[in-house]
Structures are given as C-alpha cells and as structure tokens.
Amino acid sequence: MCRLPPGSESQRKALWVPEYKTAPKGESAITVCSIQGERTPPGPSPGLLASRTQYEVTSFLSLQMSAAKTAPPPGCTINIHDPQVQEAAIRIQASYRGHRSRKELREKGPPKILQPLKDVVLVEGSAAKLECRVSAFPDPFIVWAKDGKELKDGPKYRYVFEDPDVVALVVRDGVLGDLGRYTVSVKNTFGATSDSACIIVEVPAKIAKGPDNVKVVKGATVTLKAEISGEPPPDVGWLKDGDDIEEDNRVFYDVGETTTILTIKNAQLSDAGKYEVFVENNLGTDQSFARVDVL
C-alpha cells in the first residue's frame, strides 16, 4: 500500500499504486508510487508511510520523496481534478479512517494466542517450523527463545511473519542440539503473553567411531569400545564371526548414551575372531568391525 499519512490539511492524492515487485533474497526491491500534495505554507510537505499486509514497516524500508514529475504507466492516467474522482477519493479516505478507528476500538488490548504452538519433529539435516496465530493491536513485539535463551533472527533461526496473524520460527540445518523447548513471547503496550512447544530431533543411528583391532595374551581382559549416536536411541548389538554374542559373567557388553563397550574377561584362544557392533533405529542402521587376536 502506498498512501499519505492522515491528519494533514493539504490535499492528498495517490495518482497510481506501486507495481508488484520480485527480488532475489538479500537484494533490494524498488517500487514507485506517484503522489501530489498542494502545500499551503507553513503546512507540511507530503509524507509517505509504507505498510506490509496490515503492519506498518519502517525497519527495513527506505522511503524517499522526490519532487520529480514521473509519467504514470500507460493506461493508468486519471484526471484528479475531475469532481467525481475527488468525491470518490474523499469517500475512500473516510471509509478507511472509519475502518481503522473501528479496528482500534475492537482489537486494542494485550496480545492473545489464537492458535497455540505444536510440538514438531525435526529430522537431522532438514528444517522445522514452529508457528502460532496471534491477535494483538497495536502490533506486538515478537521474541523467540530456546530453553530460556533468546534466539536471534539470522541464518540458523529465521523469524517469519505471515498474513494475516501467523508468527513462526524456522530452524534450519537440524542437528541433535536443536532438541529442546521453544517459546514465543508476544508483547505490546497493553501486555504480554507467551506459548511453548518442543522440537523433537530424529537422528539416524550411527557409529561415530568403531572399535579398534586388539591383540592380547591368553587370560587378559579384552575391551572393544564404539561411539554411537541416534535419536530415538538406537538398539545396539554385538556379534562374533556373524553370530549374536550370548552374554554371561565373562563376556558381556554395556550400552550408554554415546558409547557401547564389549568386555571379554580371561580371554581364551576361542575368543579370537571378527567382532561386529551394530546400531539401529527407525531412521537407519550402521555397523563397524574389529579383529581380536589372542596369543
């Protein structure tokens, strides 16, 4: 929308509205609208106010006024001195002011969450979007936080505002560290409210570092260690020469959050062979091998 701010005694006219513009991400878009203000000294020069959907925006817009006369696009010329045109303009302006006043009376107050956040599942390497619907007038100030720490709008976390009342947070390039509780805080001059939801991160089962080959003397203790990851936590198993290892007091394995360790006490010649560790969850499987020699 391209319009002049209300409250001026000058004659306000919009000769034509700006065209739709498309610009690559990170680049500028320039659009032009023609206005005319017949200033009566010491009255003000025409002013310009920009808005995006129903929200006034100034932080990322550069508004420039020029006295240059620009020819309107072909077929878009109107006679602003035509009494019918002037009468229509007056009716439109009055209607807008009335709508704005009714909107303020109806909606002015503290923010309200119309549709709450919902938990979201984020697969490693992909993006997730948390969104809710908000009602607030005047327009609210929005802050997102993860586990109580404010998130800055940038490459990793992107603040998104969608017409007419949706606020959202996009989390990009998901990793296990993105798991947590996210909170949106909505505040204006009349009050504040907030809502929270969780991002649940799913990571394919993986062996980050497999066990090393081992050579021991008979009677020694063998330990094979692997570093593992995955969300949901993966199932873990060990095999010897392709067969599942049956645990007992001498041969057993432990599984922690990030490691699994196979222990062989009092190693015998029969314990020599090829050992395999595998991990598996609903997103994938992985395995690694090591050789044990008993001398």
Protein backbone atom coordinates (compact mmCIF):
# COMPACT_ATOMS: atom_id res chain seq x y z
CA MET A 1 0.00 0.00 0.00
CA CYS A 2 1.24 3.50 -0.79
CA ARG A 3 -0.61 6.29 0.99
CA LEU A 4 -0.15 9.62 2.69
CA PRO A 5 -0.45 9.82 6.48
CA PRO A 6 -3.73 11.20 7.82
CA GLY A 7 -4.09 14.44 9.74
CA SER A 8 -2.74 16.86 7.12
CA GLU A 9 -4.64 19.91 5.92
CA SER A 10 -3.16 19.59 2.45
CA GLN A 11 -4.95 17.93 -0.44
CA ARG A 12 -3.79 14.32 -0.56
CA LYS A 13 -3.92 12.33 -3.77
CA ALA A 14 -2.46 8.99 -4.86
CA LEU A 15 -2.03 9.07 -8.64
CA TRP A 16 -1.26 5.37 -9.05
CA VAL A 17 -0.27 2.48 -6.79
CA PRO A 18 3.07 0.67 -6.97
CA GLU A 19 3.53 -2.45 -9.04
CA TYR A 20 4.21 -5.88 -7.56
CA LYS A 21 7.93 -6.46 -7.34
CA THR A 22 10.03 -9.63 -7.12
CA ALA A 23 13.60 -9.53 -5.82
CA PRO A 24 16.17 -12.26 -5.12
CA LYS A 25 16.80 -12.98 -1.46
CA GLY A 26 19.22 -10.47 0.06
CA GLU A 27 18.78 -7.87 -2.70
CA SER A 28 16.76 -4.66 -2.74
CA ALA A 29 13.41 -4.11 -4.41
CA ILE A 30 12.39 -0.61 -5.51
CA THR A 31 8.83 0.35 -6.25
CA VAL A 32 7.41 3.74 -7.13
CA CYS A 33 4.10 5.43 -6.49
CA SER A 34 3.16 8.95 -7.51
CA ILE A 35 1.63 11.37 -5.01
CA GLN A 36 0.69 15.00 -5.08
CA GLY A 37 0.32 17.40 -2.17
CA GLU A 38 -0.68 21.02 -2.60
CA ARG A 39 1.11 22.58 0.33
CA THR A 40 -0.15 25.78 1.84
CA PRO A 41 2.72 27.41 3.82
CA PRO A 42 3.59 26.80 6.52
CA GLY A 43 1.88 23.40 6.03
CA PRO A 44 3.94 20.22 5.76
CA SER A 45 5.18 18.62 2.59
CA PRO A 46 3.52 15.35 1.62
CA GLY A 47 4.62 12.47 3.84
CA LEU A 48 4.89 8.81 2.96
CA LEU A 49 4.01 5.73 5.02
CA ALA A 50 4.65 2.16 3.90
CA SER A 51 2.89 -0.95 5.13
CA ARG A 52 3.28 -4.68 4.54
CA THR A 53 -0.07 -6.50 4.71
CA GLN A 54 -1.73 -4.76 7.68
CA TYR A 55 1.51 -3.98 9.54
CA GLU A 56 3.36 -0.69 9.25
CA VAL A 57 7.01 -1.31 8.44
CA THR A 58 9.95 1.02 8.70
CA SER A 59 12.92 -1.01 9.95
CA PHE A 60 13.90 -2.48 6.60
CA LEU A 61 12.33 0.03 4.19
CA SER A 62 13.93 3.14 2.78
CA LEU A 63 11.29 5.71 1.88
CA GLN A 64 12.42 8.51 -0.38
CA MET A 65 10.43 11.50 -1.57
CA SER A 66 11.21 13.16 -4.87
CA ALA A 67 9.80 16.29 -6.41
CA ALA A 68 10.46 14.93 -9.88
CA LYS A 69 7.45 14.51 -12.10
CA THR A 70 7.17 10.93 -13.28
CA ALA A 71 4.87 9.92 -16.06
CA PRO A 72 2.35 7.28 -14.98
CA PRO A 73 2.31 3.89 -16.72
CA PRO A 74 0.34 3.74 -19.99
CA GLY A 75 -3.39 3.42 -19.38
CA CYS A 76 -3.14 4.45 -15.72
CA THR A 77 -3.72 8.18 -16.05
CA ILE A 78 -6.69 9.74 -14.26
CA ASN A 79 -7.85 13.32 -14.03
CA ILE A 80 -7.51 14.21 -10.36
CA HIS A 81 -9.34 17.46 -10.95
CA ASP A 82 -12.45 15.59 -12.05
CA PRO A 83 -15.12 16.25 -9.35
CA GLN A 84 -16.23 12.61 -9.47
CA VAL A 85 -12.67 11.40 -8.87
CA GLN A 86 -12.21 13.81 -5.97
CA GLU A 87 -15.54 12.79 -4.44
CA ALA A 88 -14.60 9.10 -4.72
CA ALA A 89 -11.23 9.80 -3.09
CA ILE A 90 -12.92 11.55 -0.17
CA ARG A 91 -15.30 8.62 0.35
CA ILE A 92 -12.42 6.11 0.23
CA GLN A 93 -10.37 8.10 2.74
CA ALA A 94 -13.33 8.47 5.09
CA SER A 95 -14.11 4.78 4.82
CA TYR A 96 -10.50 3.86 5.61
CA ARG A 97 -10.38 6.17 8.63
CA GLY A 98 -13.64 4.69 9.90
CA HIS A 99 -12.37 1.15 9.41
CA ARG A 100 -9.14 1.98 11.21
CA SER A 101 -11.00 3.53 14.13
CA ARG A 102 -13.34 0.54 14.45
CA LYS A 103 -10.38 -1.83 14.27
CA GLU A 104 -8.60 0.03 17.06
CA LEU A 105 -11.69 0.05 19.28
CA ARG A 106 -12.36 -3.61 18.63
CA GLU A 107 -8.83 -5.03 18.90
CA LYS A 108 -6.77 -2.68 21.03
CA GLY A 109 -5.52 -4.61 24.05
CA PRO A 110 -2.98 -7.18 25.22
CA PRO A 111 -1.89 -9.93 22.80
CA LYS A 112 -3.79 -13.21 22.63
CA ILE A 113 -2.68 -16.61 21.34
CA LEU A 114 -5.44 -17.70 18.95
CA GLN A 115 -3.79 -20.96 17.91
CA PRO A 116 -1.02 -22.39 20.12
CA LEU A 117 2.30 -23.86 19.10
CA LYS A 118 2.53 -27.60 18.47
CA ASP A 119 5.44 -29.98 19.00
CA VAL A 120 7.43 -30.59 15.82
CA VAL A 121 9.63 -33.49 14.73
CA LEU A 122 12.89 -32.40 13.08
CA VAL A 123 14.94 -34.89 11.08
CA GLU A 124 18.69 -34.24 11.18
CA GLY A 125 19.79 -32.11 8.24
CA SER A 126 16.32 -30.76 7.46
CA ALA A 127 14.35 -27.73 8.67
CA ALA A 128 11.49 -27.38 11.14
CA LYS A 129 8.83 -24.69 11.51
CA LEU A 130 7.05 -23.67 14.70
CA GLU A 131 4.04 -21.42 14.18
CA CYS A 132 1.09 -19.94 16.04
CA ARG A 133 -1.67 -17.40 15.40
CA VAL A 134 -1.64 -14.17 17.37
CA SER A 135 -4.15 -11.37 17.86
CA ALA A 136 -2.73 -8.02 19.00
CA PHE A 137 -3.28 -4.31 18.45
CA PRO A 138 -1.09 -2.29 18.45
CA ASP A 139 1.20 -4.66 16.56
CA PRO A 140 3.27 -6.74 19.00
CA PHE A 141 6.99 -7.22 19.52
CA ILE A 142 7.98 -10.88 18.99
CA VAL A 143 10.86 -12.77 20.63
CA TRP A 144 11.69 -16.48 20.27
CA ALA A 145 13.77 -18.41 22.80
CA LYS A 146 15.13 -21.95 23.20
CA ASP A 147 15.31 -23.37 26.72
CA GLY A 148 15.13 -19.81 28.06
CA LYS A 149 17.84 -18.35 25.79
CA GLU A 150 16.79 -15.73 23.24
CA LEU A 151 17.26 -16.66 19.58
CA LYS A 152 18.43 -14.00 17.15
CA ASP A 153 16.94 -13.78 13.68
CA GLY A 154 19.62 -15.00 11.27
CA PRO A 155 20.83 -17.88 9.07
CA LYS A 156 20.11 -20.59 11.68
CA TYR A 157 16.87 -19.23 13.14
CA ARG A 158 14.51 -17.25 10.93
CA TYR A 159 11.64 -15.12 12.25
CA VAL A 160 8.67 -15.37 9.88
CA PHE A 161 5.51 -13.23 9.80
CA GLU A 162 2.69 -14.43 7.58
CA ASP A 163 -0.59 -12.74 6.68
CA PRO A 164 -2.79 -12.14 8.50
CA ASP A 165 -1.82 -13.19 12.03
CA VAL A 166 0.71 -16.03 11.90
CA VAL A 167 4.11 -15.75 13.57
CA ALA A 168 6.61 -18.55 13.02
CA LEU A 169 10.18 -19.66 13.66
CA VAL A 170 12.09 -21.69 11.08
CA VAL A 171 15.01 -23.78 12.40
CA ARG A 172 17.39 -24.67 9.59
CA ASP A 173 20.00 -27.43 9.14
CA GLY A 174 18.66 -29.50 12.02
CA VAL A 175 21.07 -31.22 14.40
CA LEU A 176 20.62 -33.12 17.64
CA GLY A 177 21.46 -29.93 19.56
CA ASP A 178 18.24 -28.33 18.28
CA LEU A 179 16.21 -30.60 20.55
CA GLY A 180 14.53 -28.55 23.27
CA ARG A 181 11.62 -26.36 24.32
CA TYR A 182 10.96 -23.24 22.24
CA THR A 183 8.99 -20.25 23.50
CA VAL A 184 7.43 -17.34 21.62
CA SER A 185 6.89 -14.16 23.65
CA VAL A 186 4.38 -11.61 22.33
CA LYS A 187 4.28 -8.12 23.83
CA ASN A 188 2.70 -4.75 23.13
CA THR A 189 1.93 -1.65 25.20
CA PHE A 190 -1.11 -3.32 26.80
CA GLY A 191 0.50 -6.53 27.99
CA ALA A 192 2.29 -9.74 27.07
CA THR A 193 1.70 -13.44 26.59
CA SER A 194 3.73 -16.47 25.56
CA ASP A 195 3.46 -20.07 24.42
CA SER A 196 5.85 -23.02 24.20
CA ALA A 197 6.36 -26.25 22.29
CA CYS A 198 9.13 -28.79 21.77
CA ILE A 199 11.24 -29.66 18.77
CA ILE A 200 11.90 -33.38 18.80
CA VAL A 201 15.00 -34.20 16.78
CA GLU A 202 15.30 -37.53 14.98
CA VAL A 203 18.80 -38.67 14.03
CA PRO A 204 19.63 -41.87 12.10
CA ALA A 205 21.54 -44.46 14.12
CA LYS A 206 25.26 -44.06 13.54
CA ILE A 207 28.60 -45.36 14.78
CA ALA A 208 30.77 -42.27 15.05
CA LYS A 209 33.91 -44.30 15.88
CA GLY A 210 34.19 -48.07 15.69
CA PRO A 211 36.24 -50.43 17.90
CA ASP A 212 39.97 -50.87 17.32
CA ASN A 213 41.68 -54.15 16.48
CA VAL A 214 43.13 -55.82 19.58
CA LYS A 215 45.90 -58.32 20.33
CA VAL A 216 46.07 -59.78 23.85
CA VAL A 217 47.70 -62.68 25.62
CA LYS A 218 45.64 -65.56 26.90
CA GLY A 219 43.96 -64.76 30.22
CA ALA A 220 43.93 -60.98 29.67
CA THR A 221 40.82 -58.80 29.53
CA VAL A 222 39.63 -57.50 26.16
CA THR A 223 37.58 -54.31 25.79
CA LEU A 224 36.11 -53.15 22.49
CA LYS A 225 34.58 -49.66 22.52
CA ALA A 226 32.40 -47.87 19.95
CA GLU A 227 30.98 -44.33 19.94
CA ILE A 228 27.33 -44.27 18.90
CA SER A 229 24.56 -41.73 18.27
CA GLY A 230 20.94 -41.62 17.19
CA GLU A 231 17.54 -40.29 18.18
CA PRO A 232 15.45 -42.19 19.08
CA PRO A 233 18.26 -44.00 20.94
CA PRO A 234 19.28 -46.94 18.76
CA ASP A 235 19.20 -50.64 19.55
CA VAL A 236 22.74 -51.96 19.94
CA GLY A 237 24.12 -55.46 19.45
CA TRP A 238 27.44 -57.31 19.18
CA LEU A 239 28.33 -60.33 17.04
CA LYS A 240 31.33 -62.66 16.77
CA ASP A 241 32.03 -64.22 13.39
CA GLY A 242 28.48 -63.37 12.32
CA ASP A 243 26.67 -64.85 15.33
CA ASP A 244 24.99 -62.95 18.16
CA ILE A 245 27.07 -62.87 21.33
CA GLU A 246 25.37 -64.62 24.24
CA GLU A 247 26.28 -62.68 27.36
CA ASP A 248 27.44 -64.28 30.58
CA ASN A 249 29.65 -63.31 33.53
CA ARG A 250 32.77 -63.49 31.34
CA VAL A 251 31.56 -61.97 28.06
CA PHE A 252 29.12 -59.05 28.17
CA TYR A 253 28.51 -55.55 26.79
CA ASP A 254 27.19 -52.27 28.15
CA VAL A 255 25.29 -49.55 26.28
CA GLY A 256 25.42 -45.89 27.34
CA GLU A 257 24.04 -42.72 25.77
CA THR A 258 27.02 -42.27 23.46
CA THR A 259 29.14 -45.43 23.81
CA THR A 260 28.91 -49.21 23.90
CA ILE A 261 31.67 -51.43 25.34
CA LEU A 262 32.17 -55.17 24.87
CA THR A 263 34.17 -56.83 27.65
CA ILE A 264 35.81 -60.28 27.46
CA LYS A 265 37.39 -61.44 30.71
CA ASN A 266 40.06 -64.15 30.90
CA ALA A 267 40.43 -64.25 27.12
CA GLN A 268 40.81 -67.71 25.56
CA LEU A 269 42.09 -68.77 22.17
CA SER A 270 38.48 -69.43 21.17
CA ASP A 271 37.70 -65.74 21.69
CA ALA A 272 39.84 -64.76 18.71
CA GLY A 273 37.86 -63.72 15.65
CA LYS A 274 35.99 -60.96 13.84
CA TYR A 275 33.70 -58.86 16.02
CA GLU A 276 30.88 -56.62 14.79
CA VAL A 277 28.90 -53.90 16.55
CA PHE A 278 25.66 -52.64 15.01
CA VAL A 279 23.17 -49.87 15.82
CA GLU A 280 19.64 -49.46 14.50
CA ASN A 281 16.66 -47.13 14.87
CA ASN A 282 13.65 -46.27 12.71
CA LEU A 283 15.76 -43.91 10.58
CA GLY A 284 18.71 -46.13 9.75
CA THR A 285 21.37 -48.69 10.68
CA ASP A 286 25.15 -48.72 10.93
CA GLN A 287 27.86 -51.23 11.79
CA SER A 288 31.59 -51.49 12.41
CA PHE A 289 34.10 -54.34 12.70
CA ALA A 290 37.23 -55.16 14.68
CA ARG A 291 39.66 -58.10 14.90
CA VAL A 292 40.61 -59.76 18.19
CA ASP A 293 43.72 -61.96 18.34
CA VAL A 294 44.58 -64.00 21.42
CA LEU A 295 48.24 -65.07 21.68
